[in-house]
Amino acid sequence: MARTLYPGRMTLLAIDTALENCSVGLLSGGHVHLRVETIGKGHAERLMPQVEAALAEAGVEPSALTRIVVSVGPGSFTGLRVGISAARGLALVNRIPVVGVSTLESHAALAARERTPESTRPILALLPARGDELYGQLFSAALDPLDEPTLGSIGQFAALSDTFDVDLAGAGAPRLERPERIVHDRSAPDIAILLERGALLDPASHPPKPLYIKPPDAQPQRHKGIQRR
């Protein structure tokens, strides 16, 4: 599937294998080509055929790519390794930069697009972990990170959402039982959003390193720049 996005000279490939989807996006000549499969497992077998199909559809050689963007997690350990290894390999061969974008940032960016443009609420992106735990990160309305990605309990994130009057995004959002605050509850990132973030972010500050979130030490969250309501 192809659609017009915006004019520009960047030729950008996006890869997401972090969760259940095997997704590839290609920005070339101001047009976006998207290929998305929901497969659960088997990303290693499906990813490169999807990349090749997207390049062929757009008539783009791998050597013409100017940047690659890849989801870095949190997500499936195996899926992340597949996607990040593919992105690094293509980048090494073609001598181009790679941008790593967390799945939490992708969900926050999708929420920012889908809600009213004048909204100034922070966005809390959430994904299920194990048991009653969630992966989460807080972002400003402008998508600046306001804390580090964190592993915490449903209760901790529920208290955070009430304290700072946030909008919620991601598959973990329904667990907080605040449906009026949910902008979307998708699991896998939107590959079109990943393309857009990859075009904007600096590869130097967003390396393609897997994001494996561990339980935090006993340190307070920063939540810098948030005004309590």
C-alpha atoms as a PDB file:
ATOM      1  CA  MET A   1       0.000   0.000   0.000  1.00  0.00           C
ATOM      2  CA  ALA A   2       1.366   3.411  -0.936  1.00  0.00           C
ATOM      3  CA  ARG A   3       0.242   6.907   0.029  1.00  0.00           C
ATOM      4  CA  THR A   4       1.536  10.435  -0.187  1.00  0.00           C
ATOM      5  CA  LEU A   5       3.082  11.806   3.016  1.00  0.00           C
ATOM      6  CA  TYR A   6       5.129  14.937   2.359  1.00  0.00           C
ATOM      7  CA  PRO A   7       7.759  16.015  -0.134  1.00  0.00           C
ATOM      8  CA  GLY A   8      11.378  15.505   0.777  1.00  0.00           C
ATOM      9  CA  ARG A   9      14.668  14.021  -0.308  1.00  0.00           C
ATOM     10  CA  MET A  10      14.983  11.450   2.481  1.00  0.00           C
ATOM     11  CA  THR A  11      14.645   7.791   1.548  1.00  0.00           C
ATOM     12  CA  LEU A  12      13.828   6.114   4.829  1.00  0.00           C
ATOM     13  CA  LEU A  13      13.196   2.468   5.712  1.00  0.00           C
ATOM     14  CA  ALA A  14      11.300   1.584   8.924  1.00  0.00           C
ATOM     15  CA  ILE A  15      11.310  -1.847  10.570  1.00  0.00           C
ATOM     16  CA  ASP A  16       9.159  -3.075  13.441  1.00  0.00           C
ATOM     17  CA  THR A  17       9.311  -6.614  14.813  1.00  0.00           C
ATOM     18  CA  ALA A  18       9.028  -5.697  18.491  1.00  0.00           C
ATOM     19  CA  LEU A  19       5.658  -7.342  19.134  1.00  0.00           C
ATOM     20  CA  GLU A  20       3.077  -9.317  17.131  1.00  0.00           C
ATOM     21  CA  ASN A  21       3.455  -7.419  13.855  1.00  0.00           C
ATOM     22  CA  CYS A  22       6.125  -7.782  11.215  1.00  0.00           C
ATOM     23  CA  SER A  23       5.971  -4.320   9.663  1.00  0.00           C
ATOM     24  CA  VAL A  24       8.010  -2.455   7.079  1.00  0.00           C
ATOM     25  CA  GLY A  25       7.573   1.119   5.894  1.00  0.00           C
ATOM     26  CA  LEU A  26       9.426   2.974   3.161  1.00  0.00           C
ATOM     27  CA  LEU A  27       9.439   6.723   2.553  1.00  0.00           C
ATOM     28  CA  SER A  28      10.666   7.585  -0.944  1.00  0.00           C
ATOM     29  CA  GLY A  29       9.951  10.573  -3.152  1.00  0.00           C
ATOM     30  CA  GLY A  30       7.360  11.901  -0.739  1.00  0.00           C
ATOM     31  CA  HIS A  31       5.380   8.646  -0.828  1.00  0.00           C
ATOM     32  CA  VAL A  32       5.013   6.009   1.881  1.00  0.00           C
ATOM     33  CA  HIS A  33       4.837   2.286   1.163  1.00  0.00           C
ATOM     34  CA  LEU A  34       3.554   0.172   4.062  1.00  0.00           C
ATOM     35  CA  ARG A  35       3.583  -3.584   4.560  1.00  0.00           C
ATOM     36  CA  VAL A  36       2.129  -4.969   7.797  1.00  0.00           C
ATOM     37  CA  GLU A  37       1.589  -8.597   8.825  1.00  0.00           C
ATOM     38  CA  THR A  38       0.270  -9.729  12.210  1.00  0.00           C
ATOM     39  CA  ILE A  39       2.137 -12.989  12.732  1.00  0.00           C
ATOM     40  CA  GLY A  40       2.898 -13.285  16.448  1.00  0.00           C
ATOM     41  CA  LYS A  41       6.054 -15.327  15.814  1.00  0.00           C
ATOM     42  CA  GLY A  42       8.324 -16.056  12.861  1.00  0.00           C
ATOM     43  CA  HIS A  43       9.669 -12.546  12.303  1.00  0.00           C
ATOM     44  CA  ALA A  44      13.048 -13.879  11.174  1.00  0.00           C
ATOM     45  CA  GLU A  45      11.461 -15.677   8.232  1.00  0.00           C
ATOM     46  CA  ARG A  46       9.134 -12.846   7.157  1.00  0.00           C
ATOM     47  CA  LEU A  47      11.097  -9.645   7.692  1.00  0.00           C
ATOM     48  CA  MET A  48      13.541  -9.613   4.781  1.00  0.00           C
ATOM     49  CA  PRO A  49      10.913 -10.691   2.211  1.00  0.00           C
ATOM     50  CA  GLN A  50       8.800  -7.771   3.434  1.00  0.00           C
ATOM     51  CA  VAL A  51      11.751  -5.387   3.129  1.00  0.00           C
ATOM     52  CA  GLU A  52      12.502  -6.629  -0.382  1.00  0.00           C
ATOM     53  CA  ALA A  53       8.844  -6.313  -1.404  1.00  0.00           C
ATOM     54  CA  ALA A  54       8.615  -2.725  -0.132  1.00  0.00           C
ATOM     55  CA  LEU A  55      11.812  -1.736  -1.951  1.00  0.00           C
ATOM     56  CA  ALA A  56      10.604  -3.385  -5.164  1.00  0.00           C
ATOM     57  CA  GLU A  57       7.207  -1.706  -4.925  1.00  0.00           C
ATOM     58  CA  ALA A  58       8.856   1.696  -4.620  1.00  0.00           C
ATOM     59  CA  GLY A  59      11.552   0.945  -7.188  1.00  0.00           C
ATOM     60  CA  VAL A  60      14.288   1.714  -4.660  1.00  0.00           C
ATOM     61  CA  GLU A  61      17.660  -0.003  -4.367  1.00  0.00           C
ATOM     62  CA  PRO A  62      19.019  -0.584  -0.837  1.00  0.00           C
ATOM     63  CA  SER A  63      22.000   1.590  -1.720  1.00  0.00           C
ATOM     64  CA  ALA A  64      19.609   4.550  -2.225  1.00  0.00           C
ATOM     65  CA  LEU A  65      18.451   4.508   1.400  1.00  0.00           C
ATOM     66  CA  THR A  66      19.547   7.508   3.451  1.00  0.00           C
ATOM     67  CA  ARG A  67      18.334   6.352   6.869  1.00  0.00           C
ATOM     68  CA  ILE A  68      16.828   3.353   8.663  1.00  0.00           C
ATOM     69  CA  VAL A  69      14.589   3.448  11.736  1.00  0.00           C
ATOM     70  CA  VAL A  70      13.796   0.448  13.926  1.00  0.00           C
ATOM     71  CA  SER A  71      11.656  -0.292  16.990  1.00  0.00           C
ATOM     72  CA  VAL A  72      13.933  -1.063  19.940  1.00  0.00           C
ATOM     73  CA  GLY A  73      11.427  -2.159  22.584  1.00  0.00           C
ATOM     74  CA  PRO A  74      10.166  -2.950  25.062  1.00  0.00           C
ATOM     75  CA  GLY A  75       8.942  -6.042  23.274  1.00  0.00           C
ATOM     76  CA  SER A  76       9.721  -9.642  22.431  1.00  0.00           C
ATOM     77  CA  PHE A  77      13.370 -10.524  23.041  1.00  0.00           C
ATOM     78  CA  THR A  78      13.557 -12.544  19.814  1.00  0.00           C
ATOM     79  CA  GLY A  79      11.572 -10.036  17.767  1.00  0.00           C
ATOM     80  CA  LEU A  80      13.771  -7.155  18.852  1.00  0.00           C
ATOM     81  CA  ARG A  81      16.939  -9.035  17.968  1.00  0.00           C
ATOM     82  CA  VAL A  82      15.569  -9.815  14.500  1.00  0.00           C
ATOM     83  CA  GLY A  83      14.579  -6.252  13.698  1.00  0.00           C
ATOM     84  CA  ILE A  84      17.610  -4.527  15.174  1.00  0.00           C
ATOM     85  CA  SER A  85      20.056  -6.984  13.585  1.00  0.00           C
ATOM     86  CA  ALA A  86      18.442  -6.471  10.173  1.00  0.00           C
ATOM     87  CA  ALA A  87      18.547  -2.686  10.523  1.00  0.00           C
ATOM     88  CA  ARG A  88      22.182  -2.694  11.622  1.00  0.00           C
ATOM     89  CA  GLY A  89      23.174  -5.060   8.828  1.00  0.00           C
ATOM     90  CA  LEU A  90      21.518  -2.977   6.107  1.00  0.00           C
ATOM     91  CA  ALA A  91      23.001   0.189   7.569  1.00  0.00           C
ATOM     92  CA  LEU A  92      26.507  -1.267   7.715  1.00  0.00           C
ATOM     93  CA  VAL A  93      26.434  -2.467   4.109  1.00  0.00           C
ATOM     94  CA  ASN A  94      25.015   0.816   2.817  1.00  0.00           C
ATOM     95  CA  ARG A  95      26.902   3.089   5.254  1.00  0.00           C
ATOM     96  CA  ILE A  96      23.860   4.948   6.520  1.00  0.00           C
ATOM     97  CA  PRO A  97      22.639   5.945  10.011  1.00  0.00           C
ATOM     98  CA  VAL A  98      20.080   4.017  12.046  1.00  0.00           C
ATOM     99  CA  VAL A  99      17.559   5.580  14.438  1.00  0.00           C
ATOM    100  CA  GLY A 100      16.178   3.504  17.316  1.00  0.00           C
ATOM    101  CA  VAL A 101      12.688   4.405  18.564  1.00  0.00           C
ATOM    102  CA  SER A 102      11.041   2.825  21.587  1.00  0.00           C
ATOM    103  CA  THR A 103       7.616   1.241  21.243  1.00  0.00           C
ATOM    104  CA  LEU A 104       6.461   3.531  24.065  1.00  0.00           C
ATOM    105  CA  GLU A 105       7.467   6.633  22.112  1.00  0.00           C
ATOM    106  CA  SER A 106       5.689   5.311  19.021  1.00  0.00           C
ATOM    107  CA  HIS A 107       2.490   4.857  21.031  1.00  0.00           C
ATOM    108  CA  ALA A 108       2.762   8.318  22.531  1.00  0.00           C
ATOM    109  CA  ALA A 109       3.280   9.805  19.060  1.00  0.00           C
ATOM    110  CA  LEU A 110       0.190   8.004  17.751  1.00  0.00           C
ATOM    111  CA  ALA A 111      -1.840   9.345  20.678  1.00  0.00           C
ATOM    112  CA  ALA A 112      -0.594  12.868  19.993  1.00  0.00           C
ATOM    113  CA  ARG A 113      -1.811  12.539  16.410  1.00  0.00           C
ATOM    114  CA  GLU A 114      -5.213  11.059  17.241  1.00  0.00           C
ATOM    115  CA  ARG A 115      -6.303  13.460  19.986  1.00  0.00           C
ATOM    116  CA  THR A 116      -7.292  17.099  19.491  1.00  0.00           C
ATOM    117  CA  PRO A 117      -4.323  19.246  18.365  1.00  0.00           C
ATOM    118  CA  GLU A 118      -4.862  21.812  21.123  1.00  0.00           C
ATOM    119  CA  SER A 119      -4.484  19.246  23.926  1.00  0.00           C
ATOM    120  CA  THR A 120      -1.649  19.981  26.335  1.00  0.00           C
ATOM    121  CA  ARG A 121      -2.021  16.905  28.548  1.00  0.00           C
ATOM    122  CA  PRO A 122       1.022  14.698  29.090  1.00  0.00           C
ATOM    123  CA  ILE A 123       0.782  11.242  27.519  1.00  0.00           C
ATOM    124  CA  LEU A 124       1.464   8.075  29.495  1.00  0.00           C
ATOM    125  CA  ALA A 125       2.340   5.196  27.148  1.00  0.00           C
ATOM    126  CA  LEU A 126       1.813   1.727  28.626  1.00  0.00           C
ATOM    127  CA  LEU A 127       2.456  -1.841  27.502  1.00  0.00           C
ATOM    128  CA  PRO A 128       1.698  -5.091  29.384  1.00  0.00           C
ATOM    129  CA  ALA A 129       4.573  -6.829  31.136  1.00  0.00           C
ATOM    130  CA  ARG A 130       4.120  -9.829  33.445  1.00  0.00           C
ATOM    131  CA  GLY A 131       1.379 -10.271  36.012  1.00  0.00           C
ATOM    132  CA  ASP A 132       0.150  -6.915  37.260  1.00  0.00           C
ATOM    133  CA  GLU A 133       3.170  -5.062  35.901  1.00  0.00           C
ATOM    134  CA  LEU A 134       3.368  -2.632  33.006  1.00  0.00           C
ATOM    135  CA  TYR A 135       6.070  -0.947  30.986  1.00  0.00           C
ATOM    136  CA  GLY A 136       5.448   2.778  30.909  1.00  0.00           C
ATOM    137  CA  GLN A 137       6.882   6.164  30.086  1.00  0.00           C
ATOM    138  CA  LEU A 138       5.543   9.688  30.415  1.00  0.00           C
ATOM    139  CA  PHE A 139       5.796  12.195  27.559  1.00  0.00           C
ATOM    140  CA  SER A 140       4.890  15.849  27.221  1.00  0.00           C
ATOM    141  CA  ALA A 141       2.288  16.963  24.698  1.00  0.00           C
ATOM    142  CA  ALA A 142       5.230  17.772  22.402  1.00  0.00           C
ATOM    143  CA  LEU A 143       6.546  14.189  22.872  1.00  0.00           C
ATOM    144  CA  ASP A 144       9.520  15.115  25.002  1.00  0.00           C
ATOM    145  CA  PRO A 145      10.278  12.274  27.473  1.00  0.00           C
ATOM    146  CA  LEU A 146       9.491  13.346  31.025  1.00  0.00           C
ATOM    147  CA  ASP A 147      10.997  10.272  32.678  1.00  0.00           C
ATOM    148  CA  GLU A 148      12.805   7.078  31.793  1.00  0.00           C
ATOM    149  CA  PRO A 149      11.027   3.935  30.558  1.00  0.00           C
ATOM    150  CA  THR A 150       9.947   2.085  33.689  1.00  0.00           C
ATOM    151  CA  LEU A 151       8.622  -1.288  34.834  1.00  0.00           C
ATOM    152  CA  GLY A 152       5.967  -0.791  37.500  1.00  0.00           C
ATOM    153  CA  SER A 153       2.710  -2.069  38.947  1.00  0.00           C
ATOM    154  CA  ILE A 154      -0.745  -1.166  37.684  1.00  0.00           C
ATOM    155  CA  GLY A 155      -1.311   0.692  40.946  1.00  0.00           C
ATOM    156  CA  GLN A 156       1.813   2.797  40.518  1.00  0.00           C
ATOM    157  CA  PHE A 157       0.874   3.880  37.012  1.00  0.00           C
ATOM    158  CA  ALA A 158      -2.739   4.485  38.017  1.00  0.00           C
ATOM    159  CA  ALA A 159      -1.572   6.841  40.753  1.00  0.00           C
ATOM    160  CA  LEU A 160       0.744   8.573  38.299  1.00  0.00           C
ATOM    161  CA  SER A 161      -2.059   9.059  35.793  1.00  0.00           C
ATOM    162  CA  ASP A 162      -4.271  10.650  38.454  1.00  0.00           C
ATOM    163  CA  THR A 163      -1.547  12.877  39.840  1.00  0.00           C
ATOM    164  CA  PHE A 164      -0.614  14.406  36.508  1.00  0.00           C
ATOM    165  CA  ASP A 165      -3.955  14.218  34.651  1.00  0.00           C
ATOM    166  CA  VAL A 166      -2.585  12.366  31.634  1.00  0.00           C
ATOM    167  CA  ASP A 167      -3.932  10.819  28.462  1.00  0.00           C
ATOM    168  CA  LEU A 168      -3.230   7.100  28.073  1.00  0.00           C
ATOM    169  CA  ALA A 169      -1.899   5.148  25.100  1.00  0.00           C
ATOM    170  CA  GLY A 170      -0.927   1.562  24.340  1.00  0.00           C
ATOM    171  CA  ALA A 171      -2.203  -1.935  25.080  1.00  0.00           C
ATOM    172  CA  GLY A 172      -1.522  -1.528  28.807  1.00  0.00           C
ATOM    173  CA  ALA A 173      -3.802   1.494  29.137  1.00  0.00           C
ATOM    174  CA  PRO A 174      -7.074  -0.438  29.762  1.00  0.00           C
ATOM    175  CA  ARG A 175      -5.537  -2.055  32.864  1.00  0.00           C
ATOM    176  CA  LEU A 176      -5.704   1.287  34.656  1.00  0.00           C
ATOM    177  CA  GLU A 177      -9.533   1.220  34.339  1.00  0.00           C
ATOM    178  CA  ARG A 178      -9.772   4.825  33.252  1.00  0.00           C
ATOM    179  CA  PRO A 179     -11.436   4.458  29.840  1.00  0.00           C
ATOM    180  CA  GLU A 180     -12.220   8.154  29.531  1.00  0.00           C
ATOM    181  CA  ARG A 181      -8.478   8.880  29.332  1.00  0.00           C
ATOM    182  CA  ILE A 182      -7.520   6.286  26.707  1.00  0.00           C
ATOM    183  CA  VAL A 183      -6.610   7.733  23.313  1.00  0.00           C
ATOM    184  CA  HIS A 184      -5.737   4.338  21.832  1.00  0.00           C
ATOM    185  CA  ASP A 185      -5.006   0.853  23.150  1.00  0.00           C
ATOM    186  CA  ARG A 186      -2.986  -0.657  20.334  1.00  0.00           C
ATOM    187  CA  SER A 187      -0.217  -3.152  21.020  1.00  0.00           C
ATOM    188  CA  ALA A 188       2.183  -3.053  18.068  1.00  0.00           C
ATOM    189  CA  PRO A 189       3.530   0.313  16.923  1.00  0.00           C
ATOM    190  CA  ASP A 190       2.097   2.070  13.868  1.00  0.00           C
ATOM    191  CA  ILE A 191       4.747   1.716  11.160  1.00  0.00           C
ATOM    192  CA  ALA A 192       3.760   5.059   9.580  1.00  0.00           C
ATOM    193  CA  ILE A 193       4.354   6.768  12.935  1.00  0.00           C
ATOM    194  CA  LEU A 194       7.722   5.013  13.186  1.00  0.00           C
ATOM    195  CA  LEU A 195       8.671   6.454   9.800  1.00  0.00           C
ATOM    196  CA  GLU A 196       7.749   9.952  10.916  1.00  0.00           C
ATOM    197  CA  ARG A 197       9.687   9.723  14.190  1.00  0.00           C
ATOM    198  CA  GLY A 198      12.693   8.297  12.377  1.00  0.00           C
ATOM    199  CA  ALA A 199      12.749  11.222   9.985  1.00  0.00           C
ATOM    200  CA  LEU A 200      12.745  13.718  12.859  1.00  0.00           C
ATOM    201  CA  LEU A 201      15.037  12.201  15.490  1.00  0.00           C
ATOM    202  CA  ASP A 202      18.810  12.452  15.713  1.00  0.00           C
ATOM    203  CA  PRO A 203      20.560   9.083  15.200  1.00  0.00           C
ATOM    204  CA  ALA A 204      23.276  10.169  17.641  1.00  0.00           C
ATOM    205  CA  SER A 205      20.819  10.382  20.543  1.00  0.00           C
ATOM    206  CA  HIS A 206      18.580   7.485  19.445  1.00  0.00           C
ATOM    207  CA  PRO A 207      20.887   4.507  18.783  1.00  0.00           C
ATOM    208  CA  PRO A 208      19.532   1.123  17.627  1.00  0.00           C
ATOM    209  CA  LYS A 209      20.065  -0.588  20.971  1.00  0.00           C
ATOM    210  CA  PRO A 210      17.460  -2.969  22.428  1.00  0.00           C
ATOM    211  CA  LEU A 211      15.484  -1.488  25.300  1.00  0.00           C
ATOM    212  CA  TYR A 212      15.203  -4.168  27.980  1.00  0.00           C
ATOM    213  CA  ILE A 213      13.556  -2.474  30.945  1.00  0.00           C
ATOM    214  CA  LYS A 214      14.585  -3.834  34.327  1.00  0.00           C
ATOM    215  CA  PRO A 215      13.002  -3.173  37.717  1.00  0.00           C
ATOM    216  CA  PRO A 216      14.128   0.300  38.829  1.00  0.00           C
ATOM    217  CA  ASP A 217      16.319   0.990  41.826  1.00  0.00           C
ATOM    218  CA  ALA A 218      14.699   2.824  44.731  1.00  0.00           C
ATOM    219  CA  GLN A 219      14.962   6.225  43.085  1.00  0.00           C
ATOM    220  CA  PRO A 220      12.254   8.844  42.566  1.00  0.00           C
ATOM    221  CA  GLN A 221      10.863   9.463  39.087  1.00  0.00           C
ATOM    222  CA  ARG A 222      11.920  12.802  37.652  1.00  0.00           C
ATOM    223  CA  HIS A 223       8.706  13.764  35.825  1.00  0.00           C
ATOM    224  CA  LYS A 224      10.425  17.013  35.012  1.00  0.00           C
ATOM    225  CA  GLY A 225       8.458  19.871  33.613  1.00  0.00           C
ATOM    226  CA  ILE A 226       5.004  18.585  34.605  1.00  0.00           C
ATOM    227  CA  GLN A 227       2.603  20.874  36.410  1.00  0.00           C
ATOM    228  CA  ARG A 228       0.262  19.181  38.842  1.00  0.00           C
ATOM    229  CA  ARG A 229      -3.361  19.959  38.142  1.00  0.00           C
END
